[in-house]
Protein backbone atom coordinates (compact mmCIF):
# COMPACT_ATOMS: atom_id res chain seq x y z
CA MET A 1 -14.86 21.60 -0.99
CA ARG A 2 -15.84 17.97 -0.68
CA PHE A 3 -13.83 15.20 -2.28
CA PRO A 4 -15.53 12.31 -4.10
CA GLU A 5 -17.01 9.39 -2.21
CA GLY A 6 -14.32 6.76 -1.79
CA PHE A 7 -11.44 9.23 -1.99
CA ILE A 8 -8.61 7.77 0.09
CA TRP A 9 -7.10 9.67 3.02
CA GLY A 10 -3.78 8.22 4.13
CA ALA A 11 -0.38 8.82 5.65
CA SER A 12 3.07 7.69 4.54
CA THR A 13 6.36 6.61 6.11
CA ALA A 14 9.50 4.71 5.05
CA SER A 15 11.28 1.82 6.75
CA PHE A 16 14.76 3.28 7.26
CA GLN A 17 13.33 6.58 8.43
CA ILE A 18 11.22 5.17 11.24
CA GLU A 19 12.00 1.57 12.15
CA GLY A 20 15.34 1.70 13.93
CA ALA A 21 16.40 -1.75 15.18
CA THR A 22 19.03 -1.74 12.44
CA THR A 23 20.86 -4.79 13.80
CA ALA A 24 17.91 -6.56 15.46
CA ASP A 25 16.64 -10.02 14.60
CA GLY A 26 18.96 -10.76 11.73
CA ARG A 27 18.57 -7.57 9.71
CA GLY A 28 21.51 -6.98 7.41
CA PRO A 29 23.14 -3.61 6.73
CA SER A 30 21.75 -1.31 4.05
CA ILE A 31 23.53 1.34 2.02
CA TRP A 32 22.00 3.93 4.34
CA ASP A 33 23.54 2.25 7.39
CA THR A 34 26.91 2.47 5.70
CA PHE A 35 26.40 5.99 4.38
CA SER A 36 25.13 7.46 7.66
CA ALA A 37 28.00 5.85 9.58
CA THR A 38 30.50 7.64 7.29
CA PRO A 39 31.69 10.90 8.91
CA GLY A 40 30.43 14.02 7.18
CA LYS A 41 27.67 12.38 5.16
CA VAL A 42 24.67 13.05 7.43
CA ARG A 43 24.04 16.18 9.47
CA ASN A 44 25.17 15.89 13.10
CA GLY A 45 26.42 12.37 12.45
CA ASP A 46 22.86 11.05 12.78
CA THR A 47 22.10 7.47 11.76
CA GLY A 48 19.02 5.30 11.40
CA GLU A 49 19.42 4.05 14.95
CA PRO A 50 17.06 4.29 16.76
CA ALA A 51 15.00 6.45 14.35
CA VAL A 52 11.57 6.54 16.04
CA ASP A 53 11.68 2.89 17.14
CA HIS A 54 8.67 1.94 15.03
CA TYR A 55 9.97 -1.65 14.96
CA ARG A 56 9.01 -1.94 18.62
CA ARG A 57 6.31 0.76 18.81
CA TYR A 58 4.32 -0.07 15.69
CA ALA A 59 1.20 -0.95 17.71
CA GLU A 60 1.21 2.52 19.28
CA ASP A 61 1.56 4.10 15.85
CA ILE A 62 -1.35 2.06 14.52
CA ASP A 63 -3.45 3.29 17.44
CA ILE A 64 -2.56 6.88 16.54
CA MET A 65 -3.68 6.36 12.95
CA ARG A 66 -6.93 4.81 14.11
CA GLU A 67 -7.57 7.77 16.43
CA LEU A 68 -6.94 10.19 13.56
CA GLY A 69 -9.29 8.29 11.27
CA ILE A 70 -6.55 7.52 8.75
CA GLY A 71 -7.83 4.60 6.71
CA ASP A 72 -4.81 3.87 4.50
CA TYR A 73 -1.15 3.57 5.48
CA ARG A 74 1.71 3.65 3.01
CA PHE A 75 4.94 2.21 4.40
CA SER A 76 7.97 0.43 3.00
CA ILE A 77 9.45 -2.99 3.65
CA ALA A 78 13.15 -3.04 4.47
CA TRP A 79 14.84 -5.28 1.91
CA PRO A 80 17.82 -6.06 4.22
CA ARG A 81 15.44 -7.04 7.02
CA VAL A 82 13.89 -9.73 4.82
CA LEU A 83 16.87 -10.71 2.64
CA PRO A 84 20.01 -9.63 4.52
CA GLU A 85 22.24 -10.54 1.56
CA GLY A 86 19.85 -9.09 -1.00
CA GLY A 87 18.84 -12.57 -2.17
CA GLY A 88 19.13 -16.16 -1.09
CA ALA A 89 18.19 -17.09 2.47
CA VAL A 90 15.07 -15.39 3.86
CA ASN A 91 15.24 -13.93 7.37
CA ARG A 92 12.07 -15.28 8.96
CA ALA A 93 12.26 -12.82 11.84
CA GLY A 94 12.14 -9.96 9.36
CA LEU A 95 9.02 -11.32 7.70
CA ASP A 96 7.49 -11.85 11.13
CA PHE A 97 7.70 -8.13 11.89
CA TYR A 98 5.75 -7.23 8.77
CA ASP A 99 3.31 -10.05 9.52
CA ARG A 100 2.58 -8.39 12.85
CA LEU A 101 2.36 -4.95 11.24
CA LEU A 102 -0.05 -6.09 8.52
CA ASP A 103 -2.26 -7.96 10.96
CA GLY A 104 -2.34 -4.96 13.30
CA LEU A 105 -3.30 -2.61 10.47
CA LEU A 106 -6.08 -4.84 9.21
CA GLU A 107 -7.44 -5.36 12.71
CA ALA A 108 -7.60 -1.56 13.05
CA GLY A 109 -9.45 -1.24 9.75
CA ILE A 110 -6.46 0.39 8.00
CA THR A 111 -5.59 -0.66 4.46
CA PRO A 112 -1.85 -1.39 4.00
CA TRP A 113 0.03 0.05 1.00
CA PRO A 114 3.51 -1.50 1.13
CA THR A 115 6.33 -0.10 -0.98
CA LEU A 116 9.03 -2.61 -1.87
CA TYR A 117 11.87 -0.13 -2.27
CA HIS A 118 12.26 3.14 -0.41
CA TRP A 119 16.03 3.45 -0.79
CA ASP A 120 17.46 0.90 1.70
CA LEU A 121 19.36 -1.36 -0.72
CA PRO A 122 21.16 -4.23 1.04
CA GLN A 123 24.83 -3.31 1.30
CA ALA A 124 25.70 -6.75 -0.04
CA LEU A 125 24.16 -5.81 -3.39
CA GLU A 126 25.88 -2.43 -3.49
CA ASP A 127 29.15 -4.28 -2.96
CA LYS A 128 28.34 -6.14 -6.19
CA GLY A 129 27.70 -2.92 -8.11
CA GLY A 130 24.38 -1.64 -6.79
CA TRP A 131 21.67 -0.34 -9.10
CA PRO A 132 24.10 0.40 -11.96
CA ALA A 133 24.54 -3.40 -12.15
CA ARG A 134 21.83 -5.19 -14.11
CA ASP A 135 21.69 -8.13 -11.71
CA THR A 136 20.24 -5.91 -8.97
CA ALA A 137 16.99 -5.68 -10.94
CA PHE A 138 16.69 -9.47 -10.89
CA ARG A 139 17.45 -9.63 -7.17
CA PHE A 140 14.66 -7.07 -6.71
CA ALA A 141 12.25 -9.39 -8.51
CA GLU A 142 13.36 -12.18 -6.15
CA PHE A 143 12.56 -9.90 -3.21
CA ALA A 144 9.13 -9.21 -4.74
CA GLN A 145 8.38 -12.92 -4.95
CA VAL A 146 9.26 -13.45 -1.29
CA LEU A 147 6.88 -10.65 -0.30
CA ARG A 148 4.13 -11.81 -2.62
CA ASP A 149 4.27 -15.33 -1.20
CA ALA A 150 4.32 -14.07 2.38
CA PHE A 151 1.81 -11.23 2.25
CA GLY A 152 -0.22 -11.57 -0.92
CA ASP A 153 -3.23 -12.77 1.05
CA ARG A 154 -3.41 -9.44 2.88
CA VAL A 155 -2.09 -6.85 0.43
CA SER A 156 -4.10 -5.56 -2.52
CA ASP A 157 -2.02 -2.46 -3.39
CA TRP A 158 1.71 -2.88 -4.06
CA THR A 159 4.12 -0.06 -4.89
CA THR A 160 7.39 -1.23 -6.41
CA LEU A 161 9.63 1.86 -6.22
CA ASN A 162 9.60 5.18 -4.43
CA GLU A 163 11.22 8.11 -6.23
CA PRO A 164 13.68 6.33 -8.53
CA TRP A 165 15.08 9.74 -9.52
CA CYS A 166 16.43 10.26 -6.00
CA VAL A 167 17.88 6.75 -5.92
CA ALA A 168 19.69 7.05 -9.25
CA PHE A 169 20.75 10.68 -9.34
CA LEU A 170 21.13 11.78 -5.73
CA GLY A 171 22.79 8.47 -4.88
CA TYR A 172 24.96 7.78 -7.93
CA ALA A 173 25.50 11.19 -9.59
CA ASP A 174 25.43 13.87 -6.88
CA GLY A 175 26.57 11.64 -4.04
CA VAL A 176 24.44 13.40 -1.42
CA HIS A 177 22.43 10.24 -0.78
CA ALA A 178 23.57 6.68 -0.25
CA PRO A 179 25.70 5.13 -1.60
CA GLY A 180 27.39 8.48 -2.17
CA ARG A 181 28.85 7.86 -5.63
CA ARG A 182 29.49 10.59 -8.20
CA GLU A 183 29.43 8.70 -11.48
CA PRO A 184 27.08 10.26 -14.06
CA ALA A 185 27.13 7.29 -16.45
CA ALA A 186 26.45 4.90 -13.59
CA ALA A 187 23.49 7.04 -12.52
CA LEU A 188 21.92 6.65 -15.96
CA ALA A 189 22.40 2.89 -15.80
CA ALA A 190 20.91 2.89 -12.32
CA ALA A 191 17.82 4.73 -13.56
CA HIS A 192 17.26 2.10 -16.24
CA HIS A 193 17.82 -0.84 -13.92
CA LEU A 194 15.43 0.62 -11.38
CA LEU A 195 12.76 0.73 -14.08
CA LEU A 196 13.69 -2.78 -15.19
CA GLY A 197 13.41 -3.91 -11.57
CA HIS A 198 9.96 -2.33 -11.45
CA GLY A 199 8.87 -4.18 -14.58
CA LEU A 200 10.19 -7.52 -13.35
CA ALA A 201 8.73 -7.09 -9.87
CA ALA A 202 5.35 -5.99 -11.22
CA GLY A 203 5.14 -9.18 -13.25
CA VAL A 204 5.98 -11.29 -10.22
CA LEU A 205 3.43 -9.53 -8.01
CA ARG A 206 0.68 -9.98 -10.59
CA GLU A 207 1.42 -13.70 -10.85
CA GLY A 208 0.01 -14.04 -7.36
CA GLY A 209 -3.51 -13.72 -8.74
CA GLY A 210 -6.33 -12.21 -6.75
CA GLU A 211 -7.11 -8.53 -7.09
CA SER A 212 -3.63 -7.14 -6.51
CA ARG A 213 -2.87 -3.77 -8.04
CA VAL A 214 0.69 -2.72 -8.84
CA GLY A 215 2.03 0.79 -9.29
CA LEU A 216 5.12 2.88 -8.62
CA THR A 217 5.74 6.33 -7.20
CA LEU A 218 7.49 9.15 -9.06
CA ASN A 219 8.59 12.48 -7.63
CA GLN A 220 7.94 14.65 -10.65
CA THR A 221 8.39 18.40 -10.56
CA THR A 222 8.18 21.42 -12.83
CA LEU A 223 11.27 22.88 -14.51
CA ARG A 224 10.22 26.39 -15.44
CA PRO A 225 12.48 28.59 -17.60
CA TYR A 226 13.45 31.70 -15.67
CA THR A 227 12.81 33.84 -18.74
CA THR A 228 11.28 33.19 -22.15
CA SER A 229 14.69 33.40 -23.83
CA PRO A 230 15.53 30.47 -26.16
CA ALA A 231 18.52 29.61 -23.95
CA ASP A 232 16.43 29.36 -20.78
CA VAL A 233 13.73 27.36 -22.57
CA ALA A 234 16.40 24.99 -23.91
CA VAL A 235 18.02 24.40 -20.51
CA ALA A 236 14.60 23.79 -18.96
CA ARG A 237 13.92 21.17 -21.64
CA ARG A 238 17.22 19.42 -20.97
CA ALA A 239 16.72 19.49 -17.21
CA ASP A 240 13.18 18.17 -17.63
CA GLY A 241 14.56 15.28 -19.66
CA VAL A 242 16.90 14.01 -16.97
CA ARG A 243 14.54 14.89 -14.12
CA ASN A 244 11.13 13.73 -15.38
CA ARG A 245 11.03 12.27 -18.87
CA ILE A 246 13.81 9.76 -18.28
CA PHE A 247 11.18 7.84 -16.29
CA THR A 248 7.88 8.78 -17.92
CA GLY A 249 9.15 8.06 -21.44
CA PRO A 250 9.97 4.37 -20.82
CA LEU A 251 6.99 3.86 -18.52
CA PHE A 252 4.27 5.42 -20.65
CA GLN A 253 5.66 5.40 -24.19
CA GLY A 254 8.01 2.41 -24.13
CA ARG A 255 11.01 4.49 -25.18
CA TYR A 256 13.52 7.04 -23.98
CA PRO A 257 12.97 10.55 -25.37
CA ALA A 258 15.09 11.07 -28.48
CA ASP A 259 16.17 14.58 -27.47
CA MET A 260 17.31 13.31 -24.06
CA LEU A 261 19.39 10.53 -25.64
CA GLU A 262 21.04 13.13 -27.86
CA ASP A 263 21.67 15.46 -24.92
CA LEU A 264 23.37 12.65 -22.96
CA ALA A 265 25.27 11.00 -25.81
CA ASP A 266 28.64 12.24 -24.51
CA ILE A 267 27.96 10.56 -21.15
CA SER A 268 26.34 7.26 -22.14
CA ASP A 269 25.26 5.37 -25.24
CA PHE A 270 22.49 3.69 -23.21
CA GLY A 271 23.97 0.33 -24.13
CA PHE A 272 22.53 -1.07 -20.91
CA VAL A 273 19.08 -1.11 -22.57
CA ARG A 274 18.54 -4.64 -23.88
CA ASP A 275 15.91 -6.22 -26.09
CA GLY A 276 12.68 -6.68 -24.18
CA ASP A 277 13.51 -4.24 -21.38
CA LEU A 278 11.21 -1.46 -22.52
CA GLU A 279 8.31 -3.85 -23.08
CA LEU A 280 8.64 -4.99 -19.45
CA ILE A 281 8.97 -1.45 -18.16
CA SER A 282 6.00 -0.09 -20.10
CA ALA A 283 3.50 -2.75 -19.03
CA PRO A 284 0.31 -0.88 -18.00
CA LEU A 285 0.19 0.40 -14.44
CA ASP A 286 -2.78 -0.21 -12.19
CA TYR A 287 -2.14 3.16 -10.56
CA LEU A 288 0.50 5.87 -10.31
CA GLY A 289 1.81 7.43 -7.11
CA VAL A 290 2.96 11.06 -7.27
CA ASN A 291 5.16 12.85 -4.73
CA TYR A 292 5.35 16.63 -4.87
CA TYR A 293 7.03 19.25 -2.69
CA THR A 294 8.45 22.16 -4.70
CA PRO A 295 9.03 23.42 -8.27
CA HIS A 296 12.24 24.65 -9.89
CA TRP A 297 13.08 27.71 -12.01
CA VAL A 298 16.13 27.37 -14.23
CA SER A 299 18.30 29.67 -16.27
CA ALA A 300 21.03 29.02 -18.81
CA THR A 301 23.23 31.71 -17.29
CA ALA A 302 23.75 33.65 -14.09
CA ASP A 303 24.21 36.84 -16.10
CA GLY A 304 21.42 39.26 -15.35
CA VAL A 305 20.14 37.24 -12.41
CA ASP A 306 20.10 38.90 -9.01
CA PRO A 307 22.95 37.09 -7.16
CA SER A 308 20.75 36.75 -4.09
CA ARG A 309 18.31 34.71 -6.20
CA ILE A 310 20.84 32.12 -7.35
CA GLU A 311 20.39 28.82 -5.50
CA SER A 312 23.65 27.33 -4.25
CA GLY A 313 24.27 23.71 -3.44
CA GLY A 314 21.11 21.64 -3.46
CA ASP A 315 20.85 18.80 -5.93
CA SER A 316 22.22 20.55 -9.02
CA GLY A 317 24.90 17.85 -9.43
CA ALA A 318 22.12 15.32 -9.92
CA PHE A 319 21.07 16.90 -13.23
CA VAL A 320 23.39 14.82 -15.39
CA GLY A 321 24.29 16.54 -18.65
CA CYS A 322 23.06 19.91 -17.40
CA ASP A 323 26.26 21.39 -16.01
CA ASP A 324 25.27 24.87 -17.17
CA VAL A 325 21.89 24.92 -15.45
CA VAL A 326 21.40 27.72 -12.91
CA PHE A 327 18.65 27.29 -10.32
CA VAL A 328 16.91 30.55 -9.50
CA SER A 329 14.81 31.42 -6.49
CA GLN A 330 11.53 33.27 -6.95
CA GLY A 331 11.73 34.77 -3.46
CA LEU A 332 8.77 32.75 -2.21
CA PRO A 333 8.29 31.57 1.39
CA ARG A 334 10.24 28.44 2.25
CA THR A 335 9.88 25.48 4.54
CA SER A 336 12.63 24.86 7.08
CA ILE A 337 14.41 22.48 4.71
CA GLY A 338 14.75 25.40 2.28
CA TRP A 339 12.20 24.42 -0.34
CA GLU A 340 10.14 27.21 -1.86
CA ILE A 341 6.38 26.84 -1.50
CA ASP A 342 4.33 26.97 -4.69
CA ALA A 343 1.33 24.66 -4.85
CA THR A 344 0.65 25.59 -8.48
CA GLY A 345 3.55 23.36 -9.45
CA MET A 346 1.59 20.39 -8.18
CA TYR A 347 -1.28 21.23 -10.50
CA GLU A 348 1.08 21.29 -13.47
CA VAL A 349 2.56 17.92 -12.47
CA LEU A 350 -0.81 16.21 -11.99
CA VAL A 351 -2.32 17.53 -15.23
CA ARG A 352 0.78 16.61 -17.23
CA LEU A 353 0.93 13.07 -15.83
CA ALA A 354 -2.79 12.56 -16.46
CA ALA A 355 -2.16 13.41 -20.12
CA GLU A 356 0.86 11.10 -20.33
CA CYS A 357 -0.87 8.09 -18.76
CA PRO A 358 -4.55 8.65 -19.56
CA GLY A 359 -7.06 6.77 -17.46
CA VAL A 360 -4.55 5.53 -14.87
CA PRO A 361 -5.78 6.23 -11.31
CA MET A 362 -3.45 8.61 -9.49
CA TYR A 363 -2.67 9.10 -5.82
CA VAL A 364 -0.58 11.75 -4.11
CA HIS A 365 1.71 9.42 -2.18
CA GLU A 366 3.75 12.13 -0.47
CA ASN A 367 3.12 15.79 0.21
CA GLY A 368 4.03 17.76 3.29
CA ALA A 369 6.39 20.27 4.82
CA ALA A 370 9.23 20.48 7.32
CA TYR A 371 9.12 23.17 9.99
CA ASP A 372 11.00 23.86 13.23
CA ASP A 373 8.34 22.55 15.58
CA GLU A 374 8.42 23.31 19.28
CA ILE A 375 6.44 21.94 22.21
CA SER A 376 4.44 24.81 23.71
CA ALA A 377 3.66 25.45 27.35
CA ASP A 378 0.34 23.66 26.88
CA ASP A 379 2.24 20.48 25.86
CA ARG A 380 1.02 20.85 22.27
CA VAL A 381 2.74 21.45 18.96
CA HIS A 382 1.15 24.38 17.15
CA ASP A 383 2.20 24.25 13.49
CA PRO A 384 -0.02 26.62 11.48
CA ASP A 385 2.50 26.83 8.62
CA ARG A 386 2.24 23.10 8.01
CA VAL A 387 -1.56 23.27 8.12
CA ALA A 388 -1.46 26.08 5.54
CA TYR A 389 0.92 24.09 3.31
CA ILE A 390 -1.20 20.93 3.32
CA ASP A 391 -4.41 22.91 2.92
CA ALA A 392 -3.07 24.73 -0.14
CA HIS A 393 -1.94 21.52 -1.80
CA LEU A 394 -5.17 19.68 -1.06
CA ARG A 395 -7.02 22.53 -2.78
CA ILE A 396 -4.80 21.95 -5.80
CA VAL A 397 -5.72 18.25 -5.76
CA HIS A 398 -9.36 19.32 -5.76
CA GLU A 399 -8.72 21.64 -8.71
CA ALA A 400 -7.03 18.78 -10.56
CA LEU A 401 -10.09 16.61 -9.93
CA LYS A 402 -12.32 19.29 -11.41
CA ALA A 403 -10.02 19.40 -14.45
CA GLY A 404 -10.57 15.69 -15.02
CA VAL A 405 -7.41 14.26 -13.44
CA PRO A 406 -8.30 10.80 -12.03
CA MET A 407 -7.15 11.55 -8.49
CA ARG A 408 -8.14 8.77 -6.10
CA GLY A 409 -6.37 9.63 -2.86
CA TYR A 410 -3.93 11.70 -0.82
CA PHE A 411 -1.27 10.49 1.63
CA VAL A 412 0.30 13.11 3.86
CA TRP A 413 4.05 13.03 4.42
CA SER A 414 4.71 12.08 7.05
CA LEU A 415 2.81 10.34 9.77
CA LEU A 416 5.75 10.75 12.16
CA ASP A 417 8.78 12.95 12.56
CA ASN A 418 11.69 10.80 11.45
CA PHE A 419 15.22 10.41 10.09
CA GLU A 420 15.26 12.75 7.10
CA TRP A 421 18.09 11.17 5.12
CA ALA A 422 21.16 13.42 4.77
CA TRP A 423 19.42 15.98 7.01
CA GLY A 424 19.37 13.50 9.89
CA TYR A 425 16.89 14.43 12.61
CA SER A 426 17.10 18.17 11.94
CA GLN A 427 13.94 18.31 9.80
CA ARG A 428 10.47 17.44 11.08
CA PHE A 429 7.82 16.52 8.51
CA GLY A 430 5.41 14.62 10.74
CA VAL A 431 1.84 15.43 11.67
CA VAL A 432 2.79 13.54 14.83
CA HIS A 433 5.69 14.93 16.86
CA VAL A 434 8.29 12.53 18.21
CA ASP A 435 10.54 13.40 21.14
CA TYR A 436 13.71 11.68 20.01
CA GLU A 437 15.01 11.34 23.57
CA THR A 438 11.93 9.65 25.02
CA GLN A 439 10.15 8.49 21.83
CA ARG A 440 6.96 10.07 23.13
CA ARG A 441 4.42 10.79 20.40
CA ARG A 442 2.28 13.96 20.36
CA VAL A 443 -0.29 14.67 17.68
CA LYS A 444 0.44 18.13 16.30
CA ASP A 445 -2.23 20.66 15.44
CA SER A 446 -1.69 19.63 11.81
CA GLY A 447 -2.54 16.06 12.73
CA ARG A 448 -5.76 17.14 14.41
CA TRP A 449 -6.60 19.37 11.46
CA TYR A 450 -5.94 16.51 9.02
CA ALA A 451 -8.16 14.21 11.10
CA ASP A 452 -10.95 16.75 10.74
CA VAL A 453 -10.47 16.89 6.96
CA VAL A 454 -10.59 13.08 6.85
CA ARG A 455 -13.75 12.99 8.98
CA LYS A 456 -15.52 15.58 6.81
CA GLY A 457 -14.13 14.33 3.52
CA GLY A 458 -13.15 17.80 2.42
CA LEU A 459 -12.03 21.35 3.22
CA PRO A 460 -13.85 24.49 4.25
CA ARG A 461 -14.29 26.95 1.40
């Protein structure tokens, strides 16, 4: 099962999850520094310090990628490291770190794919209202200009946002992510201002000339009705609106879906949408990043559902306007983080997005699995479940290619074990194991397997 010539094989990380050095060299605090320092917010009281000390060990991590044959590296740039106050004075030491990182990647023959925003908003901007405040979008464009001016000579592929749904709805509606607010109307405003920030930043990045491409990364999923009943179909439609179409509508059609606006009318009148916003947001993308991990099955009622199949907790509070939605398990195998494994959901996502944004090159920017890895007596990490997960999803990418989806690359999540947000260090996604006490790196079996896939450009039948 060979992939096309030129298909990109990469790995992904995020600044707050790996860098550490949260107070080093003038870096300002982010909302995740504040959130993780708040008792009860992150498992075991874990924080982003020291993470996996990538700030000081980046050269070692580049060497690992080179050894694995990974030719493209997707990472994020910490906004508070570059602009500690969110705007204004630039922290030269912060730019210097990314200068060193970019130069090291290019010297190793690895193409950099920087993401401007992977959730670490400067606390100074949250203090002024955060993403629900319109001004944050303009400060984001200012950040984009600083990065364009500093790195535009070495970066050809820019990603503005990573998973705006998580930012807006886990952070401002459900409160399980930073900044920990539970304000449904504010979450809807945040979603819009994230998209506005994308549109403004994309314009700034393109002003730099050259051959720069600009995209963003969405974590779309499937919302499958548990039964074919009209009630279950209706709740799946509503959940899909606030989970998927709230972003794809403005981006690809230049408007919010009418049914979604009607569903949410009691929560917001969407008065934060101003003239010209949707034109900025819907400017054509050069590419689209897609993150996928697990699908959802939803029911309008718990009546008739096996109680053992009803999902408790999770991110149900993030589905604004869907208070009656019931998430139902299908009894499938799960990763250690509790997510059911069903690669067919990825196929549905990729085919749907290809229809919604025809002709736009697509990349899987994140896909991977958390498991309870252990170091064996042979000093190796044997993780066959992770290999099976990645293998199954890569086969789905291949099927999508055969169906005409313009897939151009795959980035495994994650290069390294890291700080997994509200889960702290309890979940390991990396294809490279990190001993958090010593910071020693060990390539897992999954990393060696992935290196073989990269080398061969495909999978065994």
